ModelCIF file with pLDDT and N, C-alpha, C, O atoms, coordinates in Angstrom:
data_MODEL
#
_entry.id   MODEL 
#
_entity.id                         1 
_entity.type                       polymer 
_entity.pdbx_number_of_molecules   1 
#
_entity_poly.entity_id                      1 
_entity_poly.type                           'polypeptide(L)' 
_entity_poly.nstd_linkage                   no 
_entity_poly.nstd_monomer                   no 
_entity_poly.pdbx_seq_one_letter_code       GNVVVEQSTGWGRQLALTPLPTPAMLASKGVIILVRALLPVLAVNIA 
_entity_poly.pdbx_seq_one_letter_code_can   GNVVVEQSTGWGRQLALTPLPTPAMLASKGVIILVRALLPVLAVNIA 
_entity_poly.pdbx_strand_id                 A 
#
loop_
_entity_poly_seq.entity_id 
_entity_poly_seq.num 
_entity_poly_seq.mon_id 
_entity_poly_seq.hetero 
1 1  GLY n 
1 2  ASN n 
1 3  VAL n 
1 4  VAL n 
1 5  VAL n 
1 6  GLU n 
1 7  GLN n 
1 8  SER n 
1 9  THR n 
1 10 GLY n 
1 11 TRP n 
1 12 GLY n 
1 13 ARG n 
1 14 GLN n 
1 15 LEU n 
1 16 ALA n 
1 17 LEU n 
1 18 THR n 
1 19 PRO n 
1 20 LEU n 
1 21 PRO n 
1 22 THR n 
1 23 PRO n 
1 24 ALA n 
1 25 MET n 
1 26 LEU n 
1 27 ALA n 
1 28 SER n 
1 29 LYS n 
1 30 GLY n 
1 31 VAL n 
1 32 ILE n 
1 33 ILE n 
1 34 LEU n 
1 35 VAL n 
1 36 ARG n 
1 37 ALA n 
1 38 LEU n 
1 39 LEU n 
1 40 PRO n 
1 41 VAL n 
1 42 LEU n 
1 43 ALA n 
1 44 VAL n 
1 45 ASN n 
1 46 ILE n 
1 47 ALA n 
#
_struct_asym.id          A 
_struct_asym.entity_id   1 
#
loop_
_ma_qa_metric.id 
_ma_qa_metric.mode 
_ma_qa_metric.name 
_ma_qa_metric.software_group_id 
_ma_qa_metric.type 
1 global pLDDT . pLDDT 
2 local  pLDDT . pLDDT 
#
_ma_qa_metric_global.metric_id      1 
_ma_qa_metric_global.metric_value   71.77 
_ma_qa_metric_global.model_id       1 
_ma_qa_metric_global.ordinal_id     1 
#
loop_
_ma_qa_metric_local.label_asym_id 
_ma_qa_metric_local.label_comp_id 
_ma_qa_metric_local.label_seq_id 
_ma_qa_metric_local.metric_id 
_ma_qa_metric_local.metric_value 
_ma_qa_metric_local.model_id 
_ma_qa_metric_local.ordinal_id 
A GLY 1  2 63.00 1 1  
A ASN 2  2 61.00 1 2  
A VAL 3  2 60.00 1 3  
A VAL 4  2 59.00 1 4  
A VAL 5  2 57.00 1 5  
A GLU 6  2 58.00 1 6  
A GLN 7  2 58.00 1 7  
A SER 8  2 59.00 1 8  
A THR 9  2 58.00 1 9  
A GLY 10 2 57.00 1 10 
A TRP 11 2 56.00 1 11 
A GLY 12 2 55.00 1 12 
A ARG 13 2 57.00 1 13 
A GLN 14 2 59.00 1 14 
A LEU 15 2 57.00 1 15 
A ALA 16 2 54.00 1 16 
A LEU 17 2 56.00 1 17 
A THR 18 2 61.00 1 18 
A PRO 19 2 60.00 1 19 
A LEU 20 2 60.00 1 20 
A PRO 21 2 60.00 1 21 
A THR 22 2 58.00 1 22 
A PRO 23 2 65.00 1 23 
A ALA 24 2 65.00 1 24 
A MET 25 2 64.00 1 25 
A LEU 26 2 65.00 1 26 
A ALA 27 2 73.00 1 27 
A SER 28 2 72.00 1 28 
A LYS 29 2 73.00 1 29 
A GLY 30 2 77.00 1 30 
A VAL 31 2 81.00 1 31 
A ILE 32 2 81.00 1 32 
A ILE 33 2 82.00 1 33 
A LEU 34 2 85.00 1 34 
A VAL 35 2 85.00 1 35 
A ARG 36 2 86.00 1 36 
A ALA 37 2 90.00 1 37 
A LEU 38 2 91.00 1 38 
A LEU 39 2 91.00 1 39 
A PRO 40 2 93.00 1 40 
A VAL 41 2 96.00 1 41 
A LEU 42 2 95.00 1 42 
A ALA 43 2 95.00 1 43 
A VAL 44 2 96.00 1 44 
A ASN 45 2 97.00 1 45 
A ILE 46 2 96.00 1 46 
A ALA 47 2 96.00 1 47 
#
loop_
_atom_site.group_PDB 
_atom_site.id 
_atom_site.type_symbol 
_atom_site.label_atom_id 
_atom_site.label_alt_id 
_atom_site.label_comp_id 
_atom_site.label_asym_id 
_atom_site.label_entity_id 
_atom_site.label_seq_id 
_atom_site.pdbx_PDB_ins_code 
_atom_site.Cartn_x 
_atom_site.Cartn_y 
_atom_site.Cartn_z 
_atom_site.occupancy 
_atom_site.B_iso_or_equiv 
_atom_site.pdbx_formal_charge 
_atom_site.auth_seq_id 
_atom_site.auth_comp_id 
_atom_site.auth_asym_id 
_atom_site.auth_atom_id 
_atom_site.pdbx_PDB_model_num 
ATOM 1   N N  . GLY A 1 1  ? -1.831 -6.440  -12.223 1.00 63.00 ? 1  GLY A N  1 
ATOM 2   C CA . GLY A 1 1  ? -3.030 -7.267  -12.161 1.00 63.00 ? 1  GLY A CA 1 
ATOM 3   C C  . GLY A 1 1  ? -2.774 -8.642  -12.738 1.00 63.00 ? 1  GLY A C  1 
ATOM 4   O O  . GLY A 1 1  ? -3.218 -9.651  -12.192 1.00 63.00 ? 1  GLY A O  1 
ATOM 5   N N  . ASN A 1 2  ? -2.053 -8.674  -13.848 1.00 61.00 ? 2  ASN A N  1 
ATOM 6   C CA . ASN A 1 2  ? -1.699 -9.954  -14.455 1.00 61.00 ? 2  ASN A CA 1 
ATOM 7   C C  . ASN A 1 2  ? -0.777 -10.768 -13.569 1.00 61.00 ? 2  ASN A C  1 
ATOM 8   O O  . ASN A 1 2  ? -0.879 -11.993 -13.521 1.00 61.00 ? 2  ASN A O  1 
ATOM 9   N N  . VAL A 1 3  ? 0.123  -10.096 -12.866 1.00 60.00 ? 3  VAL A N  1 
ATOM 10  C CA . VAL A 1 3  ? 1.056  -10.796 -11.977 1.00 60.00 ? 3  VAL A CA 1 
ATOM 11  C C  . VAL A 1 3  ? 0.303  -11.514 -10.871 1.00 60.00 ? 3  VAL A C  1 
ATOM 12  O O  . VAL A 1 3  ? 0.600  -12.668 -10.560 1.00 60.00 ? 3  VAL A O  1 
ATOM 13  N N  . VAL A 1 4  ? -0.680 -10.829 -10.269 1.00 59.00 ? 4  VAL A N  1 
ATOM 14  C CA . VAL A 1 4  ? -1.451 -11.444 -9.190  1.00 59.00 ? 4  VAL A CA 1 
ATOM 15  C C  . VAL A 1 4  ? -2.220 -12.655 -9.698  1.00 59.00 ? 4  VAL A C  1 
ATOM 16  O O  . VAL A 1 4  ? -2.270 -13.690 -9.033  1.00 59.00 ? 4  VAL A O  1 
ATOM 17  N N  . VAL A 1 5  ? -2.820 -12.524 -10.880 1.00 57.00 ? 5  VAL A N  1 
ATOM 18  C CA . VAL A 1 5  ? -3.562 -13.649 -11.455 1.00 57.00 ? 5  VAL A CA 1 
ATOM 19  C C  . VAL A 1 5  ? -2.627 -14.825 -11.714 1.00 57.00 ? 5  VAL A C  1 
ATOM 20  O O  . VAL A 1 5  ? -2.978 -15.972 -11.434 1.00 57.00 ? 5  VAL A O  1 
ATOM 21  N N  . GLU A 1 6  ? -1.438 -14.544 -12.247 1.00 58.00 ? 6  GLU A N  1 
ATOM 22  C CA . GLU A 1 6  ? -0.491 -15.611 -12.528 1.00 58.00 ? 6  GLU A CA 1 
ATOM 23  C C  . GLU A 1 6  ? -0.006 -16.283 -11.242 1.00 58.00 ? 6  GLU A C  1 
ATOM 24  O O  . GLU A 1 6  ? 0.218  -17.493 -11.214 1.00 58.00 ? 6  GLU A O  1 
ATOM 25  N N  . GLN A 1 7  ? 0.151  -15.502 -10.195 1.00 58.00 ? 7  GLN A N  1 
ATOM 26  C CA . GLN A 1 7  ? 0.569  -16.083 -8.928  1.00 58.00 ? 7  GLN A CA 1 
ATOM 27  C C  . GLN A 1 7  ? -0.502 -17.014 -8.369  1.00 58.00 ? 7  GLN A C  1 
ATOM 28  O O  . GLN A 1 7  ? -0.186 -18.030 -7.750  1.00 58.00 ? 7  GLN A O  1 
ATOM 29  N N  . SER A 1 8  ? -1.765 -16.667 -8.588  1.00 59.00 ? 8  SER A N  1 
ATOM 30  C CA . SER A 1 8  ? -2.846 -17.508 -8.087  1.00 59.00 ? 8  SER A CA 1 
ATOM 31  C C  . SER A 1 8  ? -2.924 -18.835 -8.825  1.00 59.00 ? 8  SER A C  1 
ATOM 32  O O  . SER A 1 8  ? -3.546 -19.783 -8.344  1.00 59.00 ? 8  SER A O  1 
ATOM 33  N N  . THR A 1 9  ? -2.287 -18.905 -10.003 1.00 58.00 ? 9  THR A N  1 
ATOM 34  C CA . THR A 1 9  ? -2.288 -20.154 -10.770 1.00 58.00 ? 9  THR A CA 1 
ATOM 35  C C  . THR A 1 9  ? -1.032 -20.986 -10.533 1.00 58.00 ? 9  THR A C  1 
ATOM 36  O O  . THR A 1 9  ? -0.835 -22.016 -11.177 1.00 58.00 ? 9  THR A O  1 
ATOM 37  N N  . GLY A 1 10 ? -0.178 -20.535 -9.601  1.00 57.00 ? 10 GLY A N  1 
ATOM 38  C CA . GLY A 1 10 ? 1.004  -21.323 -9.269  1.00 57.00 ? 10 GLY A CA 1 
ATOM 39  C C  . GLY A 1 10 ? 2.324  -20.677 -9.587  1.00 57.00 ? 10 GLY A C  1 
ATOM 40  O O  . GLY A 1 10 ? 3.373  -21.191 -9.200  1.00 57.00 ? 10 GLY A O  1 
ATOM 41  N N  . TRP A 1 11 ? 2.296  -19.537 -10.297 1.00 56.00 ? 11 TRP A N  1 
ATOM 42  C CA . TRP A 1 11 ? 3.544  -18.867 -10.646 1.00 56.00 ? 11 TRP A CA 1 
ATOM 43  C C  . TRP A 1 11 ? 4.278  -18.390 -9.391  1.00 56.00 ? 11 TRP A C  1 
ATOM 44  O O  . TRP A 1 11 ? 5.507  -18.419 -9.337  1.00 56.00 ? 11 TRP A O  1 
ATOM 45  N N  . GLY A 1 12 ? 3.517  -17.952 -8.385  1.00 55.00 ? 12 GLY A N  1 
ATOM 46  C CA . GLY A 1 12 ? 4.131  -17.498 -7.145  1.00 55.00 ? 12 GLY A CA 1 
ATOM 47  C C  . GLY A 1 12 ? 4.898  -18.605 -6.450  1.00 55.00 ? 12 GLY A C  1 
ATOM 48  O O  . GLY A 1 12 ? 5.971  -18.364 -5.898  1.00 55.00 ? 12 GLY A O  1 
ATOM 49  N N  . ARG A 1 13 ? 4.364  -19.811 -6.470  1.00 57.00 ? 13 ARG A N  1 
ATOM 50  C CA . ARG A 1 13 ? 5.063  -20.932 -5.835  1.00 57.00 ? 13 ARG A CA 1 
ATOM 51  C C  . ARG A 1 13 ? 6.359  -21.252 -6.570  1.00 57.00 ? 13 ARG A C  1 
ATOM 52  O O  . ARG A 1 13 ? 7.356  -21.628 -5.953  1.00 57.00 ? 13 ARG A O  1 
ATOM 53  N N  . GLN A 1 14 ? 6.338  -21.099 -7.903  1.00 59.00 ? 14 GLN A N  1 
ATOM 54  C CA . GLN A 1 14 ? 7.561  -21.330 -8.671  1.00 59.00 ? 14 GLN A CA 1 
ATOM 55  C C  . GLN A 1 14 ? 8.631  -20.307 -8.305  1.00 59.00 ? 14 GLN A C  1 
ATOM 56  O O  . GLN A 1 14 ? 9.806  -20.647 -8.169  1.00 59.00 ? 14 GLN A O  1 
ATOM 57  N N  . LEU A 1 15 ? 8.212  -19.042 -8.148  1.00 57.00 ? 15 LEU A N  1 
ATOM 58  C CA . LEU A 1 15 ? 9.168  -17.997 -7.792  1.00 57.00 ? 15 LEU A CA 1 
ATOM 59  C C  . LEU A 1 15 ? 9.727  -18.213 -6.392  1.00 57.00 ? 15 LEU A C  1 
ATOM 60  O O  . LEU A 1 15 ? 10.877 -17.872 -6.114  1.00 57.00 ? 15 LEU A O  1 
ATOM 61  N N  . ALA A 1 16 ? 8.906  -18.782 -5.513  1.00 54.00 ? 16 ALA A N  1 
ATOM 62  C CA . ALA A 1 16 ? 9.352  -19.021 -4.136  1.00 54.00 ? 16 ALA A CA 1 
ATOM 63  C C  . ALA A 1 16 ? 10.504 -20.021 -4.083  1.00 54.00 ? 16 ALA A C  1 
ATOM 64  O O  . ALA A 1 16 ? 11.253 -20.054 -3.107  1.00 54.00 ? 16 ALA A O  1 
ATOM 65  N N  . LEU A 1 17 ? 10.646 -20.831 -5.124  1.00 56.00 ? 17 LEU A N  1 
ATOM 66  C CA . LEU A 1 17 ? 11.720 -21.821 -5.162  1.00 56.00 ? 17 LEU A CA 1 
ATOM 67  C C  . LEU A 1 17 ? 13.052 -21.225 -5.601  1.00 56.00 ? 17 LEU A C  1 
ATOM 68  O O  . LEU A 1 17 ? 14.094 -21.871 -5.492  1.00 56.00 ? 17 LEU A O  1 
ATOM 69  N N  . THR A 1 18 ? 13.014 -19.986 -6.099  1.00 61.00 ? 18 THR A N  1 
ATOM 70  C CA . THR A 1 18 ? 14.246 -19.347 -6.547  1.00 61.00 ? 18 THR A CA 1 
ATOM 71  C C  . THR A 1 18 ? 14.953 -18.678 -5.368  1.00 61.00 ? 18 THR A C  1 
ATOM 72  O O  . THR A 1 18 ? 14.312 -18.386 -4.359  1.00 61.00 ? 18 THR A O  1 
ATOM 73  N N  . PRO A 1 19 ? 16.261 -18.431 -5.476  1.00 60.00 ? 19 PRO A N  1 
ATOM 74  C CA . PRO A 1 19 ? 17.002 -17.791 -4.369  1.00 60.00 ? 19 PRO A CA 1 
ATOM 75  C C  . PRO A 1 19 ? 16.867 -16.270 -4.358  1.00 60.00 ? 19 PRO A C  1 
ATOM 76  O O  . PRO A 1 19 ? 17.506 -15.609 -3.540  1.00 60.00 ? 19 PRO A O  1 
ATOM 77  N N  . LEU A 1 20 ? 16.056 -15.704 -5.242  1.00 60.00 ? 20 LEU A N  1 
ATOM 78  C CA . LEU A 1 20 ? 15.955 -14.252 -5.316  1.00 60.00 ? 20 LEU A CA 1 
ATOM 79  C C  . LEU A 1 20 ? 15.251 -13.686 -4.086  1.00 60.00 ? 20 LEU A C  1 
ATOM 80  O O  . LEU A 1 20 ? 14.173 -14.168 -3.739  1.00 60.00 ? 20 LEU A O  1 
ATOM 81  N N  . PRO A 1 21 ? 15.816 -12.684 -3.414  1.00 60.00 ? 21 PRO A N  1 
ATOM 82  C CA . PRO A 1 21 ? 15.178 -12.090 -2.237  1.00 60.00 ? 21 PRO A CA 1 
ATOM 83  C C  . PRO A 1 21 ? 13.961 -11.252 -2.629  1.00 60.00 ? 21 PRO A C  1 
ATOM 84  O O  . PRO A 1 21 ? 13.871 -10.759 -3.754  1.00 60.00 ? 21 PRO A O  1 
ATOM 85  N N  . THR A 1 22 ? 13.038 -11.099 -1.699  1.00 58.00 ? 22 THR A N  1 
ATOM 86  C CA . THR A 1 22 ? 11.809 -10.349 -1.973  1.00 58.00 ? 22 THR A CA 1 
ATOM 87  C C  . THR A 1 22 ? 12.068 -8.911  -2.424  1.00 58.00 ? 22 THR A C  1 
ATOM 88  O O  . THR A 1 22 ? 11.455 -8.480  -3.400  1.00 58.00 ? 22 THR A O  1 
ATOM 89  N N  . PRO A 1 23 ? 12.950 -8.140  -1.758  1.00 65.00 ? 23 PRO A N  1 
ATOM 90  C CA . PRO A 1 23 ? 13.201 -6.767  -2.226  1.00 65.00 ? 23 PRO A CA 1 
ATOM 91  C C  . PRO A 1 23 ? 13.681 -6.711  -3.673  1.00 65.00 ? 23 PRO A C  1 
ATOM 92  O O  . PRO A 1 23 ? 13.304 -5.809  -4.421  1.00 65.00 ? 23 PRO A O  1 
ATOM 93  N N  . ALA A 1 24 ? 14.506 -7.667  -4.064  1.00 65.00 ? 24 ALA A N  1 
ATOM 94  C CA . ALA A 1 24 ? 15.004 -7.697  -5.442  1.00 65.00 ? 24 ALA A CA 1 
ATOM 95  C C  . ALA A 1 24 ? 13.876 -7.975  -6.419  1.00 65.00 ? 24 ALA A C  1 
ATOM 96  O O  . ALA A 1 24 ? 13.820 -7.390  -7.501  1.00 65.00 ? 24 ALA A O  1 
ATOM 97  N N  . MET A 1 25 ? 12.977 -8.870  -6.032  1.00 64.00 ? 25 MET A N  1 
ATOM 98  C CA . MET A 1 25 ? 11.851 -9.202  -6.914  1.00 64.00 ? 25 MET A CA 1 
ATOM 99  C C  . MET A 1 25 ? 10.903 -8.017  -7.039  1.00 64.00 ? 25 MET A C  1 
ATOM 100 O O  . MET A 1 25 ? 10.359 -7.765  -8.114  1.00 64.00 ? 25 MET A O  1 
ATOM 101 N N  . LEU A 1 26 ? 10.700 -7.278  -5.927  1.00 65.00 ? 26 LEU A N  1 
ATOM 102 C CA . LEU A 1 26 ? 9.850  -6.091  -5.986  1.00 65.00 ? 26 LEU A CA 1 
ATOM 103 C C  . LEU A 1 26 ? 10.481 -5.022  -6.875  1.00 65.00 ? 26 LEU A C  1 
ATOM 104 O O  . LEU A 1 26 ? 9.786  -4.348  -7.636  1.00 65.00 ? 26 LEU A O  1 
ATOM 105 N N  . ALA A 1 27 ? 11.799 -4.872  -6.775  1.00 73.00 ? 27 ALA A N  1 
ATOM 106 C CA . ALA A 1 27 ? 12.496 -3.919  -7.633  1.00 73.00 ? 27 ALA A CA 1 
ATOM 107 C C  . ALA A 1 27 ? 12.363 -4.319  -9.093  1.00 73.00 ? 27 ALA A C  1 
ATOM 108 O O  . ALA A 1 27 ? 12.209 -3.466  -9.966  1.00 73.00 ? 27 ALA A O  1 
ATOM 109 N N  . SER A 1 28 ? 12.421 -5.620  -9.354  1.00 72.00 ? 28 SER A N  1 
ATOM 110 C CA . SER A 1 28 ? 12.257 -6.118  -10.717 1.00 72.00 ? 28 SER A CA 1 
ATOM 111 C C  . SER A 1 28 ? 10.876 -5.781  -11.263 1.00 72.00 ? 28 SER A C  1 
ATOM 112 O O  . SER A 1 28 ? 10.744 -5.358  -12.412 1.00 72.00 ? 28 SER A O  1 
ATOM 113 N N  . LYS A 1 29 ? 9.839  -5.969  -10.434 1.00 73.00 ? 29 LYS A N  1 
ATOM 114 C CA . LYS A 1 29 ? 8.483  -5.637  -10.859 1.00 73.00 ? 29 LYS A CA 1 
ATOM 115 C C  . LYS A 1 29 ? 8.351  -4.140  -11.125 1.00 73.00 ? 29 LYS A C  1 
ATOM 116 O O  . LYS A 1 29 ? 7.639  -3.722  -12.039 1.00 73.00 ? 29 LYS A O  1 
ATOM 117 N N  . GLY A 1 30 ? 9.047  -3.334  -10.312 1.00 77.00 ? 30 GLY A N  1 
ATOM 118 C CA . GLY A 1 30 ? 9.017  -1.892  -10.530 1.00 77.00 ? 30 GLY A CA 1 
ATOM 119 C C  . GLY A 1 30 ? 9.598  -1.512  -11.882 1.00 77.00 ? 30 GLY A C  1 
ATOM 120 O O  . GLY A 1 30 ? 9.065  -0.644  -12.573 1.00 77.00 ? 30 GLY A O  1 
ATOM 121 N N  . VAL A 1 31 ? 10.691 -2.164  -12.256 1.00 81.00 ? 31 VAL A N  1 
ATOM 122 C CA . VAL A 1 31 ? 11.304 -1.906  -13.561 1.00 81.00 ? 31 VAL A CA 1 
ATOM 123 C C  . VAL A 1 31 ? 10.340 -2.274  -14.685 1.00 81.00 ? 31 VAL A C  1 
ATOM 124 O O  . VAL A 1 31 ? 10.202 -1.532  -15.657 1.00 81.00 ? 31 VAL A O  1 
ATOM 125 N N  . ILE A 1 32 ? 9.680  -3.407  -14.552 1.00 81.00 ? 32 ILE A N  1 
ATOM 126 C CA . ILE A 1 32 ? 8.741  -3.865  -15.583 1.00 81.00 ? 32 ILE A CA 1 
ATOM 127 C C  . ILE A 1 32 ? 7.569  -2.898  -15.707 1.00 81.00 ? 32 ILE A C  1 
ATOM 128 O O  . ILE A 1 32 ? 7.136  -2.585  -16.816 1.00 81.00 ? 32 ILE A O  1 
ATOM 129 N N  . ILE A 1 33 ? 7.054  -2.426  -14.573 1.00 82.00 ? 33 ILE A N  1 
ATOM 130 C CA . ILE A 1 33 ? 5.955  -1.459  -14.600 1.00 82.00 ? 33 ILE A CA 1 
ATOM 131 C C  . ILE A 1 33 ? 6.381  -0.185  -15.325 1.00 82.00 ? 33 ILE A C  1 
ATOM 132 O O  . ILE A 1 33 ? 5.635  0.345   -16.149 1.00 82.00 ? 33 ILE A O  1 
ATOM 133 N N  . LEU A 1 34 ? 7.580  0.303   -15.016 1.00 85.00 ? 34 LEU A N  1 
ATOM 134 C CA . LEU A 1 34 ? 8.054  1.538   -15.644 1.00 85.00 ? 34 LEU A CA 1 
ATOM 135 C C  . LEU A 1 34 ? 8.247  1.357   -17.152 1.00 85.00 ? 34 LEU A C  1 
ATOM 136 O O  . LEU A 1 34 ? 7.947  2.264   -17.929 1.00 85.00 ? 34 LEU A O  1 
ATOM 137 N N  . VAL A 1 35 ? 8.745  0.195   -17.565 1.00 85.00 ? 35 VAL A N  1 
ATOM 138 C CA . VAL A 1 35 ? 8.923  -0.060  -19.004 1.00 85.00 ? 35 VAL A CA 1 
ATOM 139 C C  . VAL A 1 35 ? 7.572  -0.103  -19.700 1.00 85.00 ? 35 VAL A C  1 
ATOM 140 O O  . VAL A 1 35 ? 7.402  0.489   -20.766 1.00 85.00 ? 35 VAL A O  1 
ATOM 141 N N  . ARG A 1 36 ? 6.603  -0.805  -19.098 1.00 86.00 ? 36 ARG A N  1 
ATOM 142 C CA . ARG A 1 36 ? 5.261  -0.859  -19.695 1.00 86.00 ? 36 ARG A CA 1 
ATOM 143 C C  . ARG A 1 36 ? 4.619  0.517   -19.751 1.00 86.00 ? 36 ARG A C  1 
ATOM 144 O O  . ARG A 1 36 ? 3.953  0.859   -20.728 1.00 86.00 ? 36 ARG A O  1 
ATOM 145 N N  . ALA A 1 37 ? 4.820  1.313   -18.694 1.00 90.00 ? 37 ALA A N  1 
ATOM 146 C CA . ALA A 1 37 ? 4.246  2.661   -18.671 1.00 90.00 ? 37 ALA A CA 1 
ATOM 147 C C  . ALA A 1 37 ? 4.914  3.562   -19.703 1.00 90.00 ? 37 ALA A C  1 
ATOM 148 O O  . ALA A 1 37 ? 4.276  4.455   -20.261 1.00 90.00 ? 37 ALA A O  1 
ATOM 149 N N  . LEU A 1 38 ? 6.203  3.325   -19.956 1.00 91.00 ? 38 LEU A N  1 
ATOM 150 C CA . LEU A 1 38 ? 6.944  4.150   -20.905 1.00 91.00 ? 38 LEU A CA 1 
ATOM 151 C C  . LEU A 1 38 ? 6.380  4.055   -22.317 1.00 91.00 ? 38 LEU A C  1 
ATOM 152 O O  . LEU A 1 38 ? 6.382  5.042   -23.052 1.00 91.00 ? 38 LEU A O  1 
ATOM 153 N N  . LEU A 1 39 ? 5.895  2.875   -22.704 1.00 91.00 ? 39 LEU A N  1 
ATOM 154 C CA . LEU A 1 39 ? 5.437  2.672   -24.080 1.00 91.00 ? 39 LEU A CA 1 
ATOM 155 C C  . LEU A 1 39 ? 4.272  3.586   -24.451 1.00 91.00 ? 39 LEU A C  1 
ATOM 156 O O  . LEU A 1 39 ? 4.379  4.287   -25.458 1.00 91.00 ? 39 LEU A O  1 
ATOM 157 N N  . PRO A 1 40 ? 3.151  3.625   -23.694 1.00 93.00 ? 40 PRO A N  1 
ATOM 158 C CA . PRO A 1 40 ? 2.077  4.536   -24.057 1.00 93.00 ? 40 PRO A CA 1 
ATOM 159 C C  . PRO A 1 40 ? 2.455  6.000   -23.905 1.00 93.00 ? 40 PRO A C  1 
ATOM 160 O O  . PRO A 1 40 ? 1.983  6.844   -24.668 1.00 93.00 ? 40 PRO A O  1 
ATOM 161 N N  . VAL A 1 41 ? 3.312  6.315   -22.919 1.00 96.00 ? 41 VAL A N  1 
ATOM 162 C CA . VAL A 1 41 ? 3.748  7.706   -22.750 1.00 96.00 ? 41 VAL A CA 1 
ATOM 163 C C  . VAL A 1 41 ? 4.515  8.166   -23.988 1.00 96.00 ? 41 VAL A C  1 
ATOM 164 O O  . VAL A 1 41 ? 4.294  9.270   -24.486 1.00 96.00 ? 41 VAL A O  1 
ATOM 165 N N  . LEU A 1 42 ? 5.412  7.323   -24.478 1.00 95.00 ? 42 LEU A N  1 
ATOM 166 C CA . LEU A 1 42 ? 6.144  7.649   -25.707 1.00 95.00 ? 42 LEU A CA 1 
ATOM 167 C C  . LEU A 1 42 ? 5.202  7.794   -26.894 1.00 95.00 ? 42 LEU A C  1 
ATOM 168 O O  . LEU A 1 42 ? 5.345  8.717   -27.696 1.00 95.00 ? 42 LEU A O  1 
ATOM 169 N N  . ALA A 1 43 ? 4.234  6.876   -27.007 1.00 95.00 ? 43 ALA A N  1 
ATOM 170 C CA . ALA A 1 43 ? 3.322  6.902   -28.148 1.00 95.00 ? 43 ALA A CA 1 
ATOM 171 C C  . ALA A 1 43 ? 2.511  8.196   -28.181 1.00 95.00 ? 43 ALA A C  1 
ATOM 172 O O  . ALA A 1 43 ? 2.361  8.809   -29.238 1.00 95.00 ? 43 ALA A O  1 
ATOM 173 N N  . VAL A 1 44 ? 1.992  8.611   -27.033 1.00 96.00 ? 44 VAL A N  1 
ATOM 174 C CA . VAL A 1 44 ? 1.188  9.840   -26.978 1.00 96.00 ? 44 VAL A CA 1 
ATOM 175 C C  . VAL A 1 44 ? 2.055  11.054  -27.272 1.00 96.00 ? 44 VAL A C  1 
ATOM 176 O O  . VAL A 1 44 ? 1.627  11.968  -27.976 1.00 96.00 ? 44 VAL A O  1 
ATOM 177 N N  . ASN A 1 45 ? 3.275  11.068  -26.734 1.00 97.00 ? 45 ASN A N  1 
ATOM 178 C CA . ASN A 1 45 ? 4.157  12.207  -26.990 1.00 97.00 ? 45 ASN A CA 1 
ATOM 179 C C  . ASN A 1 45 ? 4.584  12.288  -28.455 1.00 97.00 ? 45 ASN A C  1 
ATOM 180 O O  . ASN A 1 45 ? 4.723  13.382  -29.001 1.00 97.00 ? 45 ASN A O  1 
ATOM 181 N N  . ILE A 1 46 ? 4.790  11.149  -29.082 1.00 96.00 ? 46 ILE A N  1 
ATOM 182 C CA . ILE A 1 46 ? 5.112  11.149  -30.512 1.00 96.00 ? 46 ILE A CA 1 
ATOM 183 C C  . ILE A 1 46 ? 3.921  11.680  -31.312 1.00 96.00 ? 46 ILE A C  1 
ATOM 184 O O  . ILE A 1 46 ? 4.100  12.445  -32.260 1.00 96.00 ? 46 ILE A O  1 
ATOM 185 N N  . ALA A 1 47 ? 2.704  11.275  -30.928 1.00 96.00 ? 47 ALA A N  1 
ATOM 186 C CA . ALA A 1 47 ? 1.506  11.815  -31.583 1.00 96.00 ? 47 ALA A CA 1 
ATOM 187 C C  . ALA A 1 47 ? 1.439  13.323  -31.404 1.00 96.00 ? 47 ALA A C  1 
ATOM 188 O O  . ALA A 1 47 ? 0.502  13.961  -31.886 1.00 96.00 ? 47 ALA A O  1 
#
């Protein structure tokens, strides 16, 4: 959700200037989602 909001403010245009291909960028977002999801999962399991 934050990514979409940031893209609407111009972040998407900045990324478009980079040579990174779309599949690679999607894979990168997937990694970030999994890392963010890991934090609460770890916290609950530790509890």
